[in-house]
Amino acid sequence: MEERSIESKETVPASRKLGKDEALELAKGATRVIVAKGKKVTEYRPGRDDLGEIAEAMLGPTGNLRAPTIRRGKTVIVGYSDEVFGDVFES
């Protein structure tokens, strides 16, 4: 994120666990949710796709929201993908 000069308005420490309820709230307020897991990137549309499925995709194996999770306008990005960051932050 520093490489792209992205500044955060809020940072949540890892000690504060965010789970399915928080993932659902983020998804409800978004028009698109992009989840990156390794090289796989999946884009969801909360108005069209199942919110439960979206929330599950946003969680890691421990049931906590995966990092990094970024909200930019009505787009939520979960996980890291250089390609996604380029598309979202350089548009």
PDB file of N, CA and C in Angstrom:
ATOM      1  N   MET A   1       0.817  -1.177   0.000  1.00  0.00           N
ATOM      2  CA  MET A   1       0.000   0.000   0.000  1.00  0.00           C
ATOM      3  C   MET A   1       0.868   1.249   0.000  1.00  0.00           C
ATOM      4  N   GLU A   2       1.981   1.188   0.701  1.00  0.00           N
ATOM      5  CA  GLU A   2       2.890   2.327   0.700  1.00  0.00           C
ATOM      6  C   GLU A   2       3.432   2.590  -0.701  1.00  0.00           C
ATOM      7  N   GLU A   3       3.677   1.501  -1.447  1.00  0.00           N
ATOM      8  CA  GLU A   3       4.213   1.610  -2.801  1.00  0.00           C
ATOM      9  C   GLU A   3       3.288   2.423  -3.700  1.00  0.00           C
ATOM     10  N   ARG A   4       1.991   2.339  -3.454  1.00  0.00           N
ATOM     11  CA  ARG A   4       0.999   3.053  -4.260  1.00  0.00           C
ATOM     12  C   ARG A   4       0.538   4.342  -3.590  1.00  0.00           C
ATOM     13  N   SER A   5       1.190   4.729  -2.503  1.00  0.00           N
ATOM     14  CA  SER A   5       0.854   5.942  -1.746  1.00  0.00           C
ATOM     15  C   SER A   5      -0.607   5.945  -1.288  1.00  0.00           C
ATOM     16  N   ILE A   6      -1.061   4.804  -0.790  1.00  0.00           N
ATOM     17  CA  ILE A   6      -2.416   4.671  -0.282  1.00  0.00           C
ATOM     18  C   ILE A   6      -2.393   4.957   1.214  1.00  0.00           C
ATOM     19  N   GLU A   7      -3.206   5.920   1.627  1.00  0.00           N
ATOM     20  CA  GLU A   7      -3.297   6.256   3.042  1.00  0.00           C
ATOM     21  C   GLU A   7      -4.597   5.722   3.601  1.00  0.00           C
ATOM     22  N   SER A   8      -4.555   5.238   4.835  1.00  0.00           N
ATOM     23  CA  SER A   8      -5.769   4.712   5.439  1.00  0.00           C
ATOM     24  C   SER A   8      -6.359   5.735   6.405  1.00  0.00           C
ATOM     25  N   LYS A   9      -7.697   5.787   6.444  1.00  0.00           N
ATOM     26  CA  LYS A   9      -8.391   6.651   7.390  1.00  0.00           C
ATOM     27  C   LYS A   9      -8.543   5.960   8.729  1.00  0.00           C
ATOM     28  N   GLU A  10      -8.616   4.633   8.700  1.00  0.00           N
ATOM     29  CA  GLU A  10      -8.779   3.860   9.926  1.00  0.00           C
ATOM     30  C   GLU A  10      -8.010   2.558   9.790  1.00  0.00           C
ATOM     31  N   THR A  11      -7.300   2.194  10.832  1.00  0.00           N
ATOM     32  CA  THR A  11      -6.593   0.924  10.881  1.00  0.00           C
ATOM     33  C   THR A  11      -7.089   0.175  12.103  1.00  0.00           C
ATOM     34  N   VAL A  12      -7.474  -1.066  11.907  1.00  0.00           N
ATOM     35  CA  VAL A  12      -7.960  -1.891  13.005  1.00  0.00           C
ATOM     36  C   VAL A  12      -6.852  -2.875  13.361  1.00  0.00           C
ATOM     37  N   PRO A  13      -6.417  -2.898  14.623  1.00  0.00           N
ATOM     38  CA  PRO A  13      -5.342  -3.817  15.003  1.00  0.00           C
ATOM     39  C   PRO A  13      -5.801  -5.266  14.907  1.00  0.00           C
ATOM     40  N   ALA A  14      -4.861  -6.151  14.642  1.00  0.00           N
ATOM     41  CA  ALA A  14      -5.159  -7.581  14.492  1.00  0.00           C
ATOM     42  C   ALA A  14      -5.736  -8.174  15.771  1.00  0.00           C
ATOM     43  N   SER A  15      -5.462  -7.553  16.912  1.00  0.00           N
ATOM     44  CA  SER A  15      -5.991  -8.068  18.175  1.00  0.00           C
ATOM     45  C   SER A  15      -7.512  -7.897  18.263  1.00  0.00           C
ATOM     46  N   ARG A  16      -8.068  -6.997  17.471  1.00  0.00           N
ATOM     47  CA  ARG A  16      -9.530  -6.810  17.431  1.00  0.00           C
ATOM     48  C   ARG A  16     -10.075  -7.728  16.331  1.00  0.00           C
ATOM     49  N   LYS A  17     -10.684  -8.796  16.738  1.00  0.00           N
ATOM     50  CA  LYS A  17     -11.169  -9.803  15.793  1.00  0.00           C
ATOM     51  C   LYS A  17     -12.474  -9.347  15.157  1.00  0.00           C
ATOM     52  N   LEU A  18     -12.519  -9.371  13.845  1.00  0.00           N
ATOM     53  CA  LEU A  18     -13.716  -9.030  13.096  1.00  0.00           C
ATOM     54  C   LEU A  18     -14.202 -10.299  12.412  1.00  0.00           C
ATOM     55  N   GLY A  19     -15.441 -10.649  12.633  1.00  0.00           N
ATOM     56  CA  GLY A  19     -15.963 -11.909  12.125  1.00  0.00           C
ATOM     57  C   GLY A  19     -17.044 -11.739  11.077  1.00  0.00           C
ATOM     58  N   LYS A  20     -17.939 -12.724  11.030  1.00  0.00           N
ATOM     59  CA  LYS A  20     -18.962 -12.779   9.993  1.00  0.00           C
ATOM     60  C   LYS A  20     -19.913 -11.590  10.050  1.00  0.00           C
ATOM     61  N   ASP A  21     -20.284 -11.152  11.257  1.00  0.00           N
ATOM     62  CA  ASP A  21     -21.197 -10.006  11.370  1.00  0.00           C
ATOM     63  C   ASP A  21     -20.602  -8.753  10.735  1.00  0.00           C
ATOM     64  N   GLU A  22     -19.332  -8.512  10.981  1.00  0.00           N
ATOM     65  CA  GLU A  22     -18.665  -7.337  10.404  1.00  0.00           C
ATOM     66  C   GLU A  22     -18.508  -7.482   8.891  1.00  0.00           C
ATOM     67  N   ALA A  23     -18.232  -8.713   8.445  1.00  0.00           N
ATOM     68  CA  ALA A  23     -18.125  -8.963   7.001  1.00  0.00           C
ATOM     69  C   ALA A  23     -19.461  -8.683   6.320  1.00  0.00           C
ATOM     70  N   LEU A  24     -20.559  -9.126   6.936  1.00  0.00           N
ATOM     71  CA  LEU A  24     -21.893  -8.867   6.380  1.00  0.00           C
ATOM     72  C   LEU A  24     -22.179  -7.372   6.292  1.00  0.00           C
ATOM     73  N   GLU A  25     -21.817  -6.632   7.330  1.00  0.00           N
ATOM     74  CA  GLU A  25     -22.048  -5.178   7.329  1.00  0.00           C
ATOM     75  C   GLU A  25     -21.268  -4.501   6.208  1.00  0.00           C
ATOM     76  N   LEU A  26     -20.017  -4.898   6.028  1.00  0.00           N
ATOM     77  CA  LEU A  26     -19.216  -4.335   4.940  1.00  0.00           C
ATOM     78  C   LEU A  26     -19.836  -4.660   3.587  1.00  0.00           C
ATOM     79  N   ALA A  27     -20.270  -5.907   3.418  1.00  0.00           N
ATOM     80  CA  ALA A  27     -20.856  -6.335   2.141  1.00  0.00           C
ATOM     81  C   ALA A  27     -22.163  -5.606   1.863  1.00  0.00           C
ATOM     82  N   LYS A  28     -22.991  -5.421   2.884  1.00  0.00           N
ATOM     83  CA  LYS A  28     -24.278  -4.734   2.712  1.00  0.00           C
ATOM     84  C   LYS A  28     -24.106  -3.300   2.226  1.00  0.00           C
ATOM     85  N   GLY A  29     -23.033  -2.660   2.652  1.00  0.00           N
ATOM     86  CA  GLY A  29     -22.805  -1.265   2.282  1.00  0.00           C
ATOM     87  C   GLY A  29     -22.039  -1.089   0.983  1.00  0.00           C
ATOM     88  N   ALA A  30     -21.750  -2.191   0.297  1.00  0.00           N
ATOM     89  CA  ALA A  30     -20.931  -2.138  -0.919  1.00  0.00           C
ATOM     90  C   ALA A  30     -21.770  -2.429  -2.164  1.00  0.00           C
ATOM     91  N   THR A  31     -21.279  -1.941  -3.298  1.00  0.00           N
ATOM     92  CA  THR A  31     -21.879  -2.318  -4.574  1.00  0.00           C
ATOM     93  C   THR A  31     -21.052  -3.413  -5.245  1.00  0.00           C
ATOM     94  N   ARG A  32     -19.805  -3.548  -4.774  1.00  0.00           N
ATOM     95  CA  ARG A  32     -18.973  -4.654  -5.259  1.00  0.00           C
ATOM     96  C   ARG A  32     -17.970  -5.033  -4.192  1.00  0.00           C
ATOM     97  N   VAL A  33     -17.733  -6.338  -4.086  1.00  0.00           N
ATOM     98  CA  VAL A  33     -16.764  -6.887  -3.138  1.00  0.00           C
ATOM     99  C   VAL A  33     -15.812  -7.755  -3.948  1.00  0.00           C
ATOM    100  N   ILE A  34     -14.533  -7.469  -3.832  1.00  0.00           N
ATOM    101  CA  ILE A  34     -13.508  -8.219  -4.555  1.00  0.00           C
ATOM    102  C   ILE A  34     -12.694  -8.991  -3.516  1.00  0.00           C
ATOM    103  N   VAL A  35     -12.660 -10.321  -3.670  1.00  0.00           N
ATOM    104  CA  VAL A  35     -11.935 -11.164  -2.724  1.00  0.00           C
ATOM    105  C   VAL A  35     -10.780 -11.831  -3.453  1.00  0.00           C
ATOM    106  N   ALA A  36      -9.569 -11.600  -2.950  1.00  0.00           N
ATOM    107  CA  ALA A  36      -8.363 -12.205  -3.517  1.00  0.00           C
ATOM    108  C   ALA A  36      -7.823 -13.238  -2.538  1.00  0.00           C
ATOM    109  N   LYS A  37      -7.707 -14.474  -3.015  1.00  0.00           N
ATOM    110  CA  LYS A  37      -7.117 -15.557  -2.213  1.00  0.00           C
ATOM    111  C   LYS A  37      -6.040 -16.181  -3.082  1.00  0.00           C
ATOM    112  N   GLY A  38      -4.803 -15.896  -2.762  1.00  0.00           N
ATOM    113  CA  GLY A  38      -3.705 -16.358  -3.610  1.00  0.00           C
ATOM    114  C   GLY A  38      -3.827 -15.697  -4.975  1.00  0.00           C
ATOM    115  N   LYS A  39      -3.811 -16.487  -6.024  1.00  0.00           N
ATOM    116  CA  LYS A  39      -3.935 -15.926  -7.374  1.00  0.00           C
ATOM    117  C   LYS A  39      -5.384 -15.848  -7.837  1.00  0.00           C
ATOM    118  N   LYS A  40      -6.291 -16.425  -7.058  1.00  0.00           N
ATOM    119  CA  LYS A  40      -7.710 -16.438  -7.420  1.00  0.00           C
ATOM    120  C   LYS A  40      -8.388 -15.145  -6.944  1.00  0.00           C
ATOM    121  N   VAL A  41      -9.052 -14.461  -7.852  1.00  0.00           N
ATOM    122  CA  VAL A  41      -9.779 -13.237  -7.538  1.00  0.00           C
ATOM    123  C   VAL A  41     -11.235 -13.437  -7.939  1.00  0.00           C
ATOM    124  N   THR A  42     -12.133 -13.189  -6.989  1.00  0.00           N
ATOM    125  CA  THR A  42     -13.566 -13.336  -7.245  1.00  0.00           C
ATOM    126  C   THR A  42     -14.246 -12.014  -6.940  1.00  0.00           C
ATOM    127  N   GLU A  43     -15.092 -11.576  -7.855  1.00  0.00           N
ATOM    128  CA  GLU A  43     -15.835 -10.334  -7.653  1.00  0.00           C
ATOM    129  C   GLU A  43     -17.299 -10.660  -7.407  1.00  0.00           C
ATOM    130  N   TYR A  44     -17.847 -10.061  -6.362  1.00  0.00           N
ATOM    131  CA  TYR A  44     -19.242 -10.257  -5.992  1.00  0.00           C
ATOM    132  C   TYR A  44     -19.997  -8.937  -6.115  1.00  0.00           C
ATOM    133  N   ARG A  45     -21.288  -9.041  -6.360  1.00  0.00           N
ATOM    134  CA  ARG A  45     -22.204  -7.889  -6.390  1.00  0.00           C
ATOM    135  C   ARG A  45     -23.248  -8.126  -5.302  1.00  0.00           C
ATOM    136  N   PRO A  46     -23.141  -7.440  -4.158  1.00  0.00           N
ATOM    137  CA  PRO A  46     -24.065  -7.676  -3.049  1.00  0.00           C
ATOM    138  C   PRO A  46     -25.545  -7.535  -3.404  1.00  0.00           C
ATOM    139  N   GLY A  47     -25.918  -6.719  -4.333  1.00  0.00           N
ATOM    140  CA  GLY A  47     -27.314  -6.615  -4.726  1.00  0.00           C
ATOM    141  C   GLY A  47     -27.797  -7.813  -5.519  1.00  0.00           C
ATOM    142  N   ARG A  48     -26.870  -8.568  -6.062  1.00  0.00           N
ATOM    143  CA  ARG A  48     -27.198  -9.699  -6.933  1.00  0.00           C
ATOM    144  C   ARG A  48     -26.788 -11.037  -6.313  1.00  0.00           C
ATOM    145  N   ASP A  49     -25.646 -11.067  -5.647  1.00  0.00           N
ATOM    146  CA  ASP A  49     -25.119 -12.311  -5.085  1.00  0.00           C
ATOM    147  C   ASP A  49     -25.544 -12.480  -3.622  1.00  0.00           C
ATOM    148  N   ASP A  50     -25.530 -13.719  -3.142  1.00  0.00           N
ATOM    149  CA  ASP A  50     -25.931 -14.047  -1.780  1.00  0.00           C
ATOM    150  C   ASP A  50     -24.963 -13.448  -0.757  1.00  0.00           C
ATOM    151  N   LEU A  51     -25.507 -12.654   0.178  1.00  0.00           N
ATOM    152  CA  LEU A  51     -24.660 -11.998   1.186  1.00  0.00           C
ATOM    153  C   LEU A  51     -23.933 -13.008   2.070  1.00  0.00           C
ATOM    154  N   GLY A  52     -24.566 -14.113   2.386  1.00  0.00           N
ATOM    155  CA  GLY A  52     -23.909 -15.137   3.206  1.00  0.00           C
ATOM    156  C   GLY A  52     -22.697 -15.722   2.516  1.00  0.00           C
ATOM    157  N   GLU A  53     -22.824 -15.964   1.218  1.00  0.00           N
ATOM    158  CA  GLU A  53     -21.703 -16.490   0.429  1.00  0.00           C
ATOM    159  C   GLU A  53     -20.566 -15.465   0.367  1.00  0.00           C
ATOM    160  N   ILE A  54     -20.934 -14.210   0.193  1.00  0.00           N
ATOM    161  CA  ILE A  54     -19.922 -13.145   0.143  1.00  0.00           C
ATOM    162  C   ILE A  54     -19.183 -13.070   1.472  1.00  0.00           C
ATOM    163  N   ALA A  55     -19.933 -13.051   2.574  1.00  0.00           N
ATOM    164  CA  ALA A  55     -19.313 -12.960   3.905  1.00  0.00           C
ATOM    165  C   ALA A  55     -18.375 -14.134   4.152  1.00  0.00           C
ATOM    166  N   GLU A  56     -18.789 -15.332   3.774  1.00  0.00           N
ATOM    167  CA  GLU A  56     -17.928 -16.513   3.957  1.00  0.00           C
ATOM    168  C   GLU A  56     -16.630 -16.370   3.163  1.00  0.00           C
ATOM    169  N   ALA A  57     -16.712 -15.832   1.954  1.00  0.00           N
ATOM    170  CA  ALA A  57     -15.516 -15.644   1.129  1.00  0.00           C
ATOM    171  C   ALA A  57     -14.565 -14.628   1.746  1.00  0.00           C
ATOM    172  N   MET A  58     -15.116 -13.694   2.517  1.00  0.00           N
ATOM    173  CA  MET A  58     -14.311 -12.638   3.133  1.00  0.00           C
ATOM    174  C   MET A  58     -13.550 -13.113   4.375  1.00  0.00           C
ATOM    175  N   LEU A  59     -13.921 -14.282   4.891  1.00  0.00           N
ATOM    176  CA  LEU A  59     -13.331 -14.782   6.131  1.00  0.00           C
ATOM    177  C   LEU A  59     -12.195 -15.750   5.862  1.00  0.00           C
ATOM    178  N   GLY A  60     -11.229 -15.736   6.762  1.00  0.00           N
ATOM    179  CA  GLY A  60     -10.117 -16.679   6.687  1.00  0.00           C
ATOM    180  C   GLY A  60     -10.468 -17.978   7.394  1.00  0.00           C
ATOM    181  N   PRO A  61      -9.511 -18.901   7.480  1.00  0.00           N
ATOM    182  CA  PRO A  61      -9.762 -20.214   8.093  1.00  0.00           C
ATOM    183  C   PRO A  61     -10.126 -20.139   9.581  1.00  0.00           C
ATOM    184  N   THR A  62      -9.759 -19.063  10.256  1.00  0.00           N
ATOM    185  CA  THR A  62     -10.085 -18.919  11.683  1.00  0.00           C
ATOM    186  C   THR A  62     -11.458 -18.290  11.897  1.00  0.00           C
ATOM    187  N   GLY A  63     -12.115 -17.884  10.810  1.00  0.00           N
ATOM    188  CA  GLY A  63     -13.425 -17.251  10.924  1.00  0.00           C
ATOM    189  C   GLY A  63     -13.359 -15.743  11.089  1.00  0.00           C
ATOM    190  N   ASN A  64     -12.171 -15.196  10.969  1.00  0.00           N
ATOM    191  CA  ASN A  64     -11.992 -13.747  11.077  1.00  0.00           C
ATOM    192  C   ASN A  64     -11.844 -13.122   9.693  1.00  0.00           C
ATOM    193  N   LEU A  65     -12.190 -11.851   9.612  1.00  0.00           N
ATOM    194  CA  LEU A  65     -12.054 -11.117   8.357  1.00  0.00           C
ATOM    195  C   LEU A  65     -10.601 -11.144   7.910  1.00  0.00           C
ATOM    196  N   ARG A  66     -10.384 -11.477   6.641  1.00  0.00           N
ATOM    197  CA  ARG A  66      -9.029 -11.588   6.109  1.00  0.00           C
ATOM    198  C   ARG A  66      -8.419 -10.200   5.934  1.00  0.00           C
ATOM    199  N   ALA A  67      -7.105 -10.161   5.969  1.00  0.00           N
ATOM    200  CA  ALA A  67      -6.381  -8.902   5.818  1.00  0.00           C
ATOM    201  C   ALA A  67      -5.604  -8.926   4.520  1.00  0.00           C
ATOM    202  N   PRO A  68      -5.366  -7.790   3.935  1.00  0.00           N
ATOM    203  CA  PRO A  68      -6.004  -6.522   4.291  1.00  0.00           C
ATOM    204  C   PRO A  68      -7.440  -6.476   3.781  1.00  0.00           C
ATOM    205  N   THR A  69      -8.266  -5.729   4.465  1.00  0.00           N
ATOM    206  CA  THR A  69      -9.617  -5.433   4.008  1.00  0.00           C
ATOM    207  C   THR A  69      -9.700  -3.927   3.860  1.00  0.00           C
ATOM    208  N   ILE A  70     -10.075  -3.498   2.682  1.00  0.00           N
ATOM    209  CA  ILE A  70     -10.082  -2.069   2.369  1.00  0.00           C
ATOM    210  C   ILE A  70     -11.435  -1.698   1.772  1.00  0.00           C
ATOM    211  N   ARG A  71     -11.976  -0.594   2.249  1.00  0.00           N
ATOM    212  CA  ARG A  71     -13.196  -0.061   1.650  1.00  0.00           C
ATOM    213  C   ARG A  71     -12.819   1.258   0.976  1.00  0.00           C
ATOM    214  N   ARG A  72     -13.104   1.327  -0.317  1.00  0.00           N
ATOM    215  CA  ARG A  72     -12.863   2.563  -1.077  1.00  0.00           C
ATOM    216  C   ARG A  72     -14.174   2.907  -1.766  1.00  0.00           C
ATOM    217  N   GLY A  73     -14.834   3.916  -1.251  1.00  0.00           N
ATOM    218  CA  GLY A  73     -16.147   4.250  -1.774  1.00  0.00           C
ATOM    219  C   GLY A  73     -17.092   3.085  -1.521  1.00  0.00           C
ATOM    220  N   LYS A  74     -17.711   2.577  -2.557  1.00  0.00           N
ATOM    221  CA  LYS A  74     -18.651   1.459  -2.449  1.00  0.00           C
ATOM    222  C   LYS A  74     -18.011   0.124  -2.841  1.00  0.00           C
ATOM    223  N   THR A  75     -16.665   0.105  -2.942  1.00  0.00           N
ATOM    224  CA  THR A  75     -15.941  -1.119  -3.271  1.00  0.00           C
ATOM    225  C   THR A  75     -15.202  -1.613  -2.035  1.00  0.00           C
ATOM    226  N   VAL A  76     -15.327  -2.905  -1.752  1.00  0.00           N
ATOM    227  CA  VAL A  76     -14.586  -3.527  -0.654  1.00  0.00           C
ATOM    228  C   VAL A  76     -13.625  -4.532  -1.271  1.00  0.00           C
ATOM    229  N   ILE A  77     -12.364  -4.449  -0.876  1.00  0.00           N
ATOM    230  CA  ILE A  77     -11.330  -5.369  -1.339  1.00  0.00           C
ATOM    231  C   ILE A  77     -10.864  -6.176  -0.135  1.00  0.00           C
ATOM    232  N   VAL A  78     -10.846  -7.501  -0.282  1.00  0.00           N
ATOM    233  CA  VAL A  78     -10.404  -8.382   0.793  1.00  0.00           C
ATOM    234  C   VAL A  78      -9.268  -9.226   0.255  1.00  0.00           C
ATOM    235  N   GLY A  79      -8.137  -9.210   0.966  1.00  0.00           N
ATOM    236  CA  GLY A  79      -6.963  -9.935   0.506  1.00  0.00           C
ATOM    237  C   GLY A  79      -6.134  -9.041  -0.409  1.00  0.00           C
ATOM    238  N   TYR A  80      -4.955  -9.515  -0.752  1.00  0.00           N
ATOM    239  CA  TYR A  80      -4.067  -8.693  -1.569  1.00  0.00           C
ATOM    240  C   TYR A  80      -3.907  -9.270  -2.966  1.00  0.00           C
ATOM    241  N   SER A  81      -4.068  -8.393  -3.938  1.00  0.00           N
ATOM    242  CA  SER A  81      -3.774  -8.725  -5.335  1.00  0.00           C
ATOM    243  C   SER A  81      -3.224  -7.460  -5.976  1.00  0.00           C
ATOM    244  N   ASP A  82      -2.010  -7.535  -6.470  1.00  0.00           N
ATOM    245  CA  ASP A  82      -1.394  -6.371  -7.094  1.00  0.00           C
ATOM    246  C   ASP A  82      -2.245  -5.865  -8.259  1.00  0.00           C
ATOM    247  N   GLU A  83      -2.790  -6.795  -9.032  1.00  0.00           N
ATOM    248  CA  GLU A  83      -3.616  -6.420 -10.174  1.00  0.00           C
ATOM    249  C   GLU A  83      -4.885  -5.679  -9.730  1.00  0.00           C
ATOM    250  N   VAL A  84      -5.551  -6.201  -8.695  1.00  0.00           N
ATOM    251  CA  VAL A  84      -6.769  -5.560  -8.186  1.00  0.00           C
ATOM    252  C   VAL A  84      -6.442  -4.182  -7.633  1.00  0.00           C
ATOM    253  N   PHE A  85      -5.376  -4.083  -6.852  1.00  0.00           N
ATOM    254  CA  PHE A  85      -5.004  -2.784  -6.290  1.00  0.00           C
ATOM    255  C   PHE A  85      -4.732  -1.783  -7.408  1.00  0.00           C
ATOM    256  N   GLY A  86      -4.065  -2.226  -8.468  1.00  0.00           N
ATOM    257  CA  GLY A  86      -3.806  -1.348  -9.614  1.00  0.00           C
ATOM    258  C   GLY A  86      -5.090  -0.889 -10.263  1.00  0.00           C
ATOM    259  N   ASP A  87      -6.022  -1.806 -10.462  1.00  0.00           N
ATOM    260  CA  ASP A  87      -7.302  -1.454 -11.093  1.00  0.00           C
ATOM    261  C   ASP A  87      -8.114  -0.482 -10.245  1.00  0.00           C
ATOM    262  N   VAL A  88      -8.198  -0.744  -8.953  1.00  0.00           N
ATOM    263  CA  VAL A  88      -9.052   0.056  -8.076  1.00  0.00           C
ATOM    264  C   VAL A  88      -8.433   1.395  -7.714  1.00  0.00           C
ATOM    265  N   PHE A  89      -7.145   1.405  -7.418  1.00  0.00           N
ATOM    266  CA  PHE A  89      -6.528   2.619  -6.909  1.00  0.00           C
ATOM    267  C   PHE A  89      -5.918   3.516  -7.990  1.00  0.00           C
ATOM    268  N   GLU A  90      -5.809   3.022  -9.204  1.00  0.00           N
ATOM    269  CA  GLU A  90      -5.242   3.846 -10.255  1.00  0.00           C
ATOM    270  C   GLU A  90      -6.301   4.221 -11.288  1.00  0.00           C
ATOM    271  N   SER A  91      -7.560   4.003 -10.945  1.00  0.00           N
ATOM    272  CA  SER A  91      -8.640   4.365 -11.879  1.00  0.00           C
ATOM    273  C   SER A  91      -9.257   5.693 -11.509  1.00  0.00           C
TER     274      SER A  91
END
